């Protein structure tokens, strides 16, 4: 009998020999070298790796919060401004009412002063130098004009921050029976008033494009002053919607 050696290593199973695929010499890939002066590095989308500044994060969080919360009627109307076509018509009609720049005002006053000097020499009667009818801007000034019932049309920006500064204006315009409209952009209002931004604008008289402006006032009365304002319901997020769909599927499966 042959004694088995306990310390002897067990025999390993024979591995199958790998058959090497012979590739054509013209089809073999070359290793790329991304060091200086060699191959160009592939473009990476860096937006995923960017840490946005604090104010951008707050803006986005605030926008989501405003969607999730229930808004009272006074605030809800600012989420539903005028449509694109009517806003374009309004801006086009009000282009002729843009206020003078400092340079234009200086030229006008100089011209009036020269005319007055000529009239004194020729002993003519004085002409009343009335100011041109232009758009009035500034929250305090516009509220004063509305309270005095001197404003004939009021435009309010929807993207004012904080919105509490402008919330009272629509109800004030309703009580004074002055047509008003909520416009999407404060920058566009500022462009009309020769400023960077503008919270609200008022017009005291219709001199140019009078018929068109009166028609727009009728539209504004029907749109903003006619139906009673409703509160805005909160919108659901993607996760909540997906949960509901999942629950519905489970209920249907049980049935």
C-alpha atoms as a PDB file:
ATOM      1  CA  UNK A   1       0.000   0.000   0.000  1.00  0.00           C
ATOM      2  CA  UNK A   2       1.262   3.508  -0.904  1.00  0.00           C
ATOM      3  CA  UNK A   3       0.975   5.934   1.974  1.00  0.00           C
ATOM      4  CA  UNK A   4      -0.549   9.288   1.163  1.00  0.00           C
ATOM      5  CA  UNK A   5       1.460  12.313   2.224  1.00  0.00           C
ATOM      6  CA  UNK A   6      -0.782  14.509   4.341  1.00  0.00           C
ATOM      7  CA  UNK A   7       1.413  17.586   3.893  1.00  0.00           C
ATOM      8  CA  UNK A   8       1.369  17.322   0.111  1.00  0.00           C
ATOM      9  CA  UNK A   9      -0.437  20.193  -1.672  1.00  0.00           C
ATOM     10  CA  UNK A  10      -3.633  19.291  -3.513  1.00  0.00           C
ATOM     11  CA  UNK A  11      -3.371  19.312  -7.264  1.00  0.00           C
ATOM     12  CA  UNK A  12      -4.887  22.420  -8.897  1.00  0.00           C
ATOM     13  CA  UNK A  13      -7.318  21.896 -11.780  1.00  0.00           C
ATOM     14  CA  UNK A  14      -5.760  22.699 -15.092  1.00  0.00           C
ATOM     15  CA  UNK A  15      -6.804  26.082 -16.448  1.00  0.00           C
ATOM     16  CA  UNK A  16      -7.892  26.324 -20.023  1.00  0.00           C
ATOM     17  CA  UNK A  17      -5.419  28.171 -22.147  1.00  0.00           C
ATOM     18  CA  UNK A  18      -6.732  31.542 -23.336  1.00  0.00           C
ATOM     19  CA  UNK A  19      -6.803  31.886 -27.070  1.00  0.00           C
ATOM     20  CA  UNK A  20      -5.406  35.270 -27.994  1.00  0.00           C
ATOM     21  CA  UNK A  21      -7.291  37.080 -30.708  1.00  0.00           C
ATOM     22  CA  UNK A  22      -4.950  38.349 -33.329  1.00  0.00           C
ATOM     23  CA  UNK A  23      -6.037  41.878 -34.240  1.00  0.00           C
ATOM     24  CA  UNK A  24      -5.236  43.619 -37.427  1.00  0.00           C
ATOM     25  CA  UNK A  25      -2.288  45.990 -36.910  1.00  0.00           C
ATOM     26  CA  UNK A  26      -4.228  48.931 -38.448  1.00  0.00           C
ATOM     27  CA  UNK A  27      -7.227  48.506 -36.085  1.00  0.00           C
ATOM     28  CA  UNK A  28      -5.351  48.507 -32.769  1.00  0.00           C
ATOM     29  CA  UNK A  29      -6.181  51.475 -30.418  1.00  0.00           C
ATOM     30  CA  UNK A  30      -3.414  53.875 -29.529  1.00  0.00           C
ATOM     31  CA  UNK A  31      -3.138  54.932 -25.894  1.00  0.00           C
ATOM     32  CA  UNK A  32      -3.800  58.626 -25.526  1.00  0.00           C
ATOM     33  CA  UNK A  33      -1.346  60.875 -23.734  1.00  0.00           C
ATOM     34  CA  UNK A  34      -3.004  63.900 -22.103  1.00  0.00           C
ATOM     35  CA  UNK A  35       0.199  65.575 -20.993  1.00  0.00           C
ATOM     36  CA  UNK A  36       1.218  69.053 -22.139  1.00  0.00           C
ATOM     37  CA  UNK A  37       1.559  69.349 -25.906  1.00  0.00           C
ATOM     38  CA  UNK A  38      -0.060  65.985 -26.676  1.00  0.00           C
ATOM     39  CA  UNK A  39      -3.690  64.837 -27.068  1.00  0.00           C
ATOM     40  CA  UNK A  40      -6.526  67.284 -26.281  1.00  0.00           C
ATOM     41  CA  UNK A  41      -8.458  66.518 -23.093  1.00  0.00           C
ATOM     42  CA  UNK A  42     -12.169  65.661 -23.486  1.00  0.00           C
ATOM     43  CA  UNK A  43     -14.653  68.351 -22.407  1.00  0.00           C
ATOM     44  CA  UNK A  44     -16.216  67.885 -18.973  1.00  0.00           C
ATOM     45  CA  UNK A  45     -19.607  69.390 -18.056  1.00  0.00           C
ATOM     46  CA  UNK A  46     -18.503  71.428 -15.043  1.00  0.00           C
ATOM     47  CA  UNK A  47     -21.976  72.636 -14.009  1.00  0.00           C
ATOM     48  CA  UNK A  48     -22.402  69.456 -11.938  1.00  0.00           C
ATOM     49  CA  UNK A  49     -19.296  70.269  -9.894  1.00  0.00           C
ATOM     50  CA  UNK A  50     -20.076  73.980  -9.377  1.00  0.00           C
ATOM     51  CA  UNK A  51     -21.133  75.151  -5.933  1.00  0.00           C
ATOM     52  CA  UNK A  52     -23.573  77.956  -6.548  1.00  0.00           C
ATOM     53  CA  UNK A  53     -23.346  81.113  -4.414  1.00  0.00           C
ATOM     54  CA  UNK A  54     -25.553  81.507  -1.353  1.00  0.00           C
ATOM     55  CA  UNK A  55     -27.961  84.014  -2.932  1.00  0.00           C
ATOM     56  CA  UNK A  56     -28.685  81.657  -5.868  1.00  0.00           C
ATOM     57  CA  UNK A  57     -29.436  78.794  -3.459  1.00  0.00           C
ATOM     58  CA  UNK A  58     -31.801  81.045  -1.468  1.00  0.00           C
ATOM     59  CA  UNK A  59     -33.570  82.187  -4.652  1.00  0.00           C
ATOM     60  CA  UNK A  60     -34.230  78.586  -5.688  1.00  0.00           C
ATOM     61  CA  UNK A  61     -35.350  77.509  -2.223  1.00  0.00           C
ATOM     62  CA  UNK A  62     -37.695  80.489  -2.001  1.00  0.00           C
ATOM     63  CA  UNK A  63     -39.223  79.709  -5.403  1.00  0.00           C
ATOM     64  CA  UNK A  64     -39.938  76.113  -4.323  1.00  0.00           C
ATOM     65  CA  UNK A  65     -41.380  77.294  -0.974  1.00  0.00           C
ATOM     66  CA  UNK A  66     -43.710  79.747  -2.725  1.00  0.00           C
ATOM     67  CA  UNK A  67     -45.023  76.879  -4.873  1.00  0.00           C
ATOM     68  CA  UNK A  68     -45.574  74.546  -1.907  1.00  0.00           C
ATOM     69  CA  UNK A  69     -47.353  77.060   0.382  1.00  0.00           C
ATOM     70  CA  UNK A  70     -50.979  78.163   0.114  1.00  0.00           C
ATOM     71  CA  UNK A  71     -51.241  81.829  -0.967  1.00  0.00           C
ATOM     72  CA  UNK A  72     -54.045  84.204   0.096  1.00  0.00           C
ATOM     73  CA  UNK A  73     -55.990  86.045  -2.651  1.00  0.00           C
ATOM     74  CA  UNK A  74     -54.004  89.304  -2.192  1.00  0.00           C
ATOM     75  CA  UNK A  75     -50.748  87.469  -2.992  1.00  0.00           C
ATOM     76  CA  UNK A  76     -52.164  84.947  -5.469  1.00  0.00           C
ATOM     77  CA  UNK A  77     -52.956  87.593  -8.114  1.00  0.00           C
ATOM     78  CA  UNK A  78     -49.217  88.391  -8.422  1.00  0.00           C
ATOM     79  CA  UNK A  79     -48.629  84.802  -9.608  1.00  0.00           C
ATOM     80  CA  UNK A  80     -51.010  85.338 -12.530  1.00  0.00           C
ATOM     81  CA  UNK A  81     -49.855  88.503 -14.393  1.00  0.00           C
ATOM     82  CA  UNK A  82     -50.895  89.763 -17.837  1.00  0.00           C
ATOM     83  CA  UNK A  83     -50.295  87.526 -20.841  1.00  0.00           C
ATOM     84  CA  UNK A  84     -47.468  88.165 -23.304  1.00  0.00           C
ATOM     85  CA  UNK A  85     -49.488  89.729 -26.160  1.00  0.00           C
ATOM     86  CA  UNK A  86     -51.338  92.313 -24.050  1.00  0.00           C
ATOM     87  CA  UNK A  87     -48.146  93.305 -22.189  1.00  0.00           C
ATOM     88  CA  UNK A  88     -46.468  93.969 -25.536  1.00  0.00           C
ATOM     89  CA  UNK A  89     -49.398  96.184 -26.575  1.00  0.00           C
ATOM     90  CA  UNK A  90     -49.201  98.114 -23.284  1.00  0.00           C
ATOM     91  CA  UNK A  91     -45.458  98.716 -23.586  1.00  0.00           C
ATOM     92  CA  UNK A  92     -45.838  99.841 -27.190  1.00  0.00           C
ATOM     93  CA  UNK A  93     -48.633 102.281 -26.287  1.00  0.00           C
ATOM     94  CA  UNK A  94     -46.680 103.735 -23.349  1.00  0.00           C
ATOM     95  CA  UNK A  95     -43.408 104.232 -25.255  1.00  0.00           C
ATOM     96  CA  UNK A  96     -44.428 107.803 -26.136  1.00  0.00           C
ATOM     97  CA  UNK A  97     -44.903 108.640 -22.445  1.00  0.00           C
ATOM     98  CA  UNK A  98     -41.331 107.846 -21.354  1.00  0.00           C
ATOM     99  CA  UNK A  99     -40.020 110.633 -19.097  1.00  0.00           C
ATOM    100  CA  UNK A 100     -37.227 112.956 -20.205  1.00  0.00           C
ATOM    101  CA  UNK A 101     -33.600 112.233 -19.454  1.00  0.00           C
ATOM    102  CA  UNK A 102     -31.556 114.875 -17.595  1.00  0.00           C
ATOM    103  CA  UNK A 103     -29.989 115.994 -20.879  1.00  0.00           C
ATOM    104  CA  UNK A 104     -33.373 116.399 -22.625  1.00  0.00           C
ATOM    105  CA  UNK A 105     -34.803 118.318 -19.650  1.00  0.00           C
ATOM    106  CA  UNK A 106     -31.838 120.695 -19.644  1.00  0.00           C
ATOM    107  CA  UNK A 107     -32.251 121.368 -23.391  1.00  0.00           C
ATOM    108  CA  UNK A 108     -36.009 122.000 -22.976  1.00  0.00           C
ATOM    109  CA  UNK A 109     -35.533 124.460 -20.113  1.00  0.00           C
ATOM    110  CA  UNK A 110     -32.786 126.324 -21.998  1.00  0.00           C
ATOM    111  CA  UNK A 111     -35.053 126.601 -25.039  1.00  0.00           C
ATOM    112  CA  UNK A 112     -37.936 127.915 -22.891  1.00  0.00           C
ATOM    113  CA  UNK A 113     -35.629 130.450 -21.201  1.00  0.00           C
ATOM    114  CA  UNK A 114     -34.434 131.773 -24.589  1.00  0.00           C
ATOM    115  CA  UNK A 115     -38.040 132.123 -25.784  1.00  0.00           C
ATOM    116  CA  UNK A 116     -38.966 134.056 -22.625  1.00  0.00           C
ATOM    117  CA  UNK A 117     -36.072 136.466 -23.191  1.00  0.00           C
ATOM    118  CA  UNK A 118     -37.219 137.026 -26.784  1.00  0.00           C
ATOM    119  CA  UNK A 119     -40.827 137.620 -25.631  1.00  0.00           C
ATOM    120  CA  UNK A 120     -39.681 140.224 -23.082  1.00  0.00           C
ATOM    121  CA  UNK A 121     -37.775 142.118 -25.765  1.00  0.00           C
ATOM    122  CA  UNK A 122     -40.708 141.956 -28.209  1.00  0.00           C
ATOM    123  CA  UNK A 123     -43.186 142.671 -25.340  1.00  0.00           C
ATOM    124  CA  UNK A 124     -45.257 139.575 -26.018  1.00  0.00           C
ATOM    125  CA  UNK A 125     -47.484 137.757 -23.532  1.00  0.00           C
ATOM    126  CA  UNK A 126     -45.914 134.951 -21.500  1.00  0.00           C
ATOM    127  CA  UNK A 127     -46.653 131.408 -22.539  1.00  0.00           C
ATOM    128  CA  UNK A 128     -47.471 128.855 -19.860  1.00  0.00           C
ATOM    129  CA  UNK A 129     -44.571 126.368 -20.001  1.00  0.00           C
ATOM    130  CA  UNK A 130     -46.422 123.187 -19.043  1.00  0.00           C
ATOM    131  CA  UNK A 131     -44.511 119.998 -18.328  1.00  0.00           C
ATOM    132  CA  UNK A 132     -44.963 117.192 -20.875  1.00  0.00           C
ATOM    133  CA  UNK A 133     -47.289 114.356 -19.803  1.00  0.00           C
ATOM    134  CA  UNK A 134     -45.063 111.430 -18.831  1.00  0.00           C
ATOM    135  CA  UNK A 135     -45.141 108.245 -16.765  1.00  0.00           C
ATOM    136  CA  UNK A 136     -44.880 108.757 -13.004  1.00  0.00           C
ATOM    137  CA  UNK A 137     -42.719 106.259 -11.137  1.00  0.00           C
ATOM    138  CA  UNK A 138     -41.943 105.525  -7.490  1.00  0.00           C
ATOM    139  CA  UNK A 139     -44.185 103.772  -4.987  1.00  0.00           C
ATOM    140  CA  UNK A 140     -44.894 106.817  -2.767  1.00  0.00           C
ATOM    141  CA  UNK A 141     -45.599 109.069  -5.735  1.00  0.00           C
ATOM    142  CA  UNK A 142     -47.921 106.532  -7.398  1.00  0.00           C
ATOM    143  CA  UNK A 143     -49.882 105.896  -4.156  1.00  0.00           C
ATOM    144  CA  UNK A 144     -50.335 109.659  -3.722  1.00  0.00           C
ATOM    145  CA  UNK A 145     -51.669 109.985  -7.297  1.00  0.00           C
ATOM    146  CA  UNK A 146     -54.079 107.068  -6.730  1.00  0.00           C
ATOM    147  CA  UNK A 147     -55.327 108.532  -3.427  1.00  0.00           C
ATOM    148  CA  UNK A 148     -55.907 111.911  -5.112  1.00  0.00           C
ATOM    149  CA  UNK A 149     -57.683 110.150  -8.038  1.00  0.00           C
ATOM    150  CA  UNK A 150     -55.279 111.793 -10.486  1.00  0.00           C
ATOM    151  CA  UNK A 151     -53.967 108.520 -11.924  1.00  0.00           C
ATOM    152  CA  UNK A 152     -55.844 107.096 -14.910  1.00  0.00           C
ATOM    153  CA  UNK A 153     -53.809 103.896 -15.305  1.00  0.00           C
ATOM    154  CA  UNK A 154     -51.482 102.006 -12.937  1.00  0.00           C
ATOM    155  CA  UNK A 155     -49.005  99.249 -13.800  1.00  0.00           C
ATOM    156  CA  UNK A 156     -47.571  97.054 -11.016  1.00  0.00           C
ATOM    157  CA  UNK A 157     -44.624  94.645 -11.329  1.00  0.00           C
ATOM    158  CA  UNK A 158     -45.198  91.034 -10.221  1.00  0.00           C
ATOM    159  CA  UNK A 159     -41.565  90.214  -9.360  1.00  0.00           C
ATOM    160  CA  UNK A 160     -41.041  92.827  -6.619  1.00  0.00           C
ATOM    161  CA  UNK A 161     -39.048  91.587  -3.631  1.00  0.00           C
ATOM    162  CA  UNK A 162     -40.262  91.835  -0.869  1.00  0.00           C
ATOM    163  CA  UNK A 163     -43.769  91.620  -2.357  1.00  0.00           C
ATOM    164  CA  UNK A 164     -45.313  93.191   0.811  1.00  0.00           C
ATOM    165  CA  UNK A 165     -44.288  96.642  -0.448  1.00  0.00           C
ATOM    166  CA  UNK A 166     -46.752  96.436  -3.382  1.00  0.00           C
ATOM    167  CA  UNK A 167     -49.504  94.130  -2.016  1.00  0.00           C
ATOM    168  CA  UNK A 168     -51.779  97.000  -0.946  1.00  0.00           C
ATOM    169  CA  UNK A 169     -51.801  98.777  -4.365  1.00  0.00           C
ATOM    170  CA  UNK A 170     -54.366  96.573  -6.205  1.00  0.00           C
ATOM    171  CA  UNK A 171     -56.952  96.904  -3.405  1.00  0.00           C
ATOM    172  CA  UNK A 172     -56.316 100.680  -3.249  1.00  0.00           C
ATOM    173  CA  UNK A 173     -56.862 100.962  -7.019  1.00  0.00           C
ATOM    174  CA  UNK A 174     -60.112  98.967  -6.692  1.00  0.00           C
ATOM    175  CA  UNK A 175     -61.494 101.242  -3.967  1.00  0.00           C
ATOM    176  CA  UNK A 176     -60.572 104.376  -5.968  1.00  0.00           C
ATOM    177  CA  UNK A 177     -61.946 102.789  -9.190  1.00  0.00           C
ATOM    178  CA  UNK A 178     -58.687 103.200 -11.144  1.00  0.00           C
ATOM    179  CA  UNK A 179     -57.787 100.543 -13.749  1.00  0.00           C
ATOM    180  CA  UNK A 180     -54.603  98.658 -12.906  1.00  0.00           C
ATOM    181  CA  UNK A 181     -52.619  95.755 -14.363  1.00  0.00           C
ATOM    182  CA  UNK A 182     -50.008  93.393 -12.934  1.00  0.00           C
ATOM    183  CA  UNK A 183     -47.068  93.081 -15.332  1.00  0.00           C
ATOM    184  CA  UNK A 184     -44.476  90.248 -15.205  1.00  0.00           C
ATOM    185  CA  UNK A 185     -41.209  92.249 -15.146  1.00  0.00           C
ATOM    186  CA  UNK A 186     -40.011  95.212 -13.055  1.00  0.00           C
ATOM    187  CA  UNK A 187     -37.003  95.621 -15.391  1.00  0.00           C
ATOM    188  CA  UNK A 188     -39.304  96.272 -18.345  1.00  0.00           C
ATOM    189  CA  UNK A 189     -41.176  98.919 -16.319  1.00  0.00           C
ATOM    190  CA  UNK A 190     -37.829 100.460 -15.413  1.00  0.00           C
ATOM    191  CA  UNK A 191     -36.909 100.607 -19.113  1.00  0.00           C
ATOM    192  CA  UNK A 192     -40.076 102.659 -19.757  1.00  0.00           C
ATOM    193  CA  UNK A 193     -39.173 105.045 -16.918  1.00  0.00           C
ATOM    194  CA  UNK A 194     -35.467 105.366 -17.908  1.00  0.00           C
ATOM    195  CA  UNK A 195     -34.356 103.449 -14.804  1.00  0.00           C
ATOM    196  CA  UNK A 196     -32.891 100.033 -13.971  1.00  0.00           C
ATOM    197  CA  UNK A 197     -36.014  98.701 -12.255  1.00  0.00           C
ATOM    198  CA  UNK A 198     -39.378 100.113 -11.262  1.00  0.00           C
ATOM    199  CA  UNK A 199     -42.013  98.651  -8.896  1.00  0.00           C
ATOM    200  CA  UNK A 200     -44.978 100.555 -10.346  1.00  0.00           C
ATOM    201  CA  UNK A 201     -45.918 103.220 -12.900  1.00  0.00           C
ATOM    202  CA  UNK A 202     -48.846 105.612 -13.198  1.00  0.00           C
ATOM    203  CA  UNK A 203     -50.219 107.695 -16.054  1.00  0.00           C
ATOM    204  CA  UNK A 204     -52.198 110.864 -15.299  1.00  0.00           C
ATOM    205  CA  UNK A 205     -53.601 111.667 -18.754  1.00  0.00           C
ATOM    206  CA  UNK A 206     -54.032 110.064 -22.190  1.00  0.00           C
ATOM    207  CA  UNK A 207     -52.608 112.374 -24.835  1.00  0.00           C
ATOM    208  CA  UNK A 208     -51.033 109.998 -27.390  1.00  0.00           C
ATOM    209  CA  UNK A 209     -52.610 106.633 -28.316  1.00  0.00           C
ATOM    210  CA  UNK A 210     -55.720 107.609 -26.318  1.00  0.00           C
ATOM    211  CA  UNK A 211     -58.148 105.192 -28.021  1.00  0.00           C
ATOM    212  CA  UNK A 212     -55.784 102.238 -27.643  1.00  0.00           C
ATOM    213  CA  UNK A 213     -55.132 103.000 -23.962  1.00  0.00           C
ATOM    214  CA  UNK A 214     -58.864 103.299 -23.213  1.00  0.00           C
ATOM    215  CA  UNK A 215     -59.446  99.868 -24.790  1.00  0.00           C
ATOM    216  CA  UNK A 216     -56.626  98.438 -22.665  1.00  0.00           C
ATOM    217  CA  UNK A 217     -58.212  99.972 -19.547  1.00  0.00           C
ATOM    218  CA  UNK A 218     -61.453  98.098 -20.320  1.00  0.00           C
ATOM    219  CA  UNK A 219     -59.498  94.836 -20.646  1.00  0.00           C
ATOM    220  CA  UNK A 220     -57.754  95.504 -17.314  1.00  0.00           C
ATOM    221  CA  UNK A 221     -61.067  96.182 -15.554  1.00  0.00           C
ATOM    222  CA  UNK A 222     -62.510  92.876 -16.802  1.00  0.00           C
ATOM    223  CA  UNK A 223     -59.312  90.946 -16.029  1.00  0.00           C
ATOM    224  CA  UNK A 224     -58.340  92.259 -12.580  1.00  0.00           C
ATOM    225  CA  UNK A 225     -61.323  94.156 -11.148  1.00  0.00           C
ATOM    226  CA  UNK A 226     -64.194  91.993 -12.405  1.00  0.00           C
ATOM    227  CA  UNK A 227     -63.969  88.496 -10.836  1.00  0.00           C
ATOM    228  CA  UNK A 228     -63.205  88.101  -7.108  1.00  0.00           C
ATOM    229  CA  UNK A 229     -59.656  86.971  -6.352  1.00  0.00           C
ATOM    230  CA  UNK A 230     -59.151  83.355  -5.239  1.00  0.00           C
ATOM    231  CA  UNK A 231     -56.467  81.845  -3.034  1.00  0.00           C
ATOM    232  CA  UNK A 232     -53.755  79.807  -4.739  1.00  0.00           C
ATOM    233  CA  UNK A 233     -53.537  76.105  -3.924  1.00  0.00           C
ATOM    234  CA  UNK A 234     -50.102  74.624  -3.163  1.00  0.00           C
ATOM    235  CA  UNK A 235     -48.387  72.630  -5.894  1.00  0.00           C
ATOM    236  CA  UNK A 236     -47.065  69.138  -5.175  1.00  0.00           C
ATOM    237  CA  UNK A 237     -43.435  68.160  -5.650  1.00  0.00           C
ATOM    238  CA  UNK A 238     -42.153  65.320  -7.849  1.00  0.00           C
ATOM    239  CA  UNK A 239     -41.648  62.977  -4.856  1.00  0.00           C
ATOM    240  CA  UNK A 240     -45.217  63.499  -3.605  1.00  0.00           C
ATOM    241  CA  UNK A 241     -46.640  62.892  -7.092  1.00  0.00           C
ATOM    242  CA  UNK A 242     -44.611  59.685  -7.472  1.00  0.00           C
ATOM    243  CA  UNK A 243     -45.780  58.457  -4.031  1.00  0.00           C
ATOM    244  CA  UNK A 244     -49.419  59.003  -4.998  1.00  0.00           C
ATOM    245  CA  UNK A 245     -48.957  57.143  -8.284  1.00  0.00           C
ATOM    246  CA  UNK A 246     -47.294  54.250  -6.447  1.00  0.00           C
ATOM    247  CA  UNK A 247     -50.155  54.080  -3.902  1.00  0.00           C
ATOM    248  CA  UNK A 248     -52.743  54.106  -6.722  1.00  0.00           C
ATOM    249  CA  UNK A 249     -50.952  51.236  -8.462  1.00  0.00           C
ATOM    250  CA  UNK A 250     -50.938  49.173  -5.275  1.00  0.00           C
ATOM    251  CA  UNK A 251     -54.660  49.782  -4.710  1.00  0.00           C
ATOM    252  CA  UNK A 252     -55.484  48.806  -8.286  1.00  0.00           C
ATOM    253  CA  UNK A 253     -53.382  45.644  -7.957  1.00  0.00           C
ATOM    254  CA  UNK A 254     -55.297  44.597  -4.786  1.00  0.00           C
ATOM    255  CA  UNK A 255     -58.632  45.054  -6.525  1.00  0.00           C
END
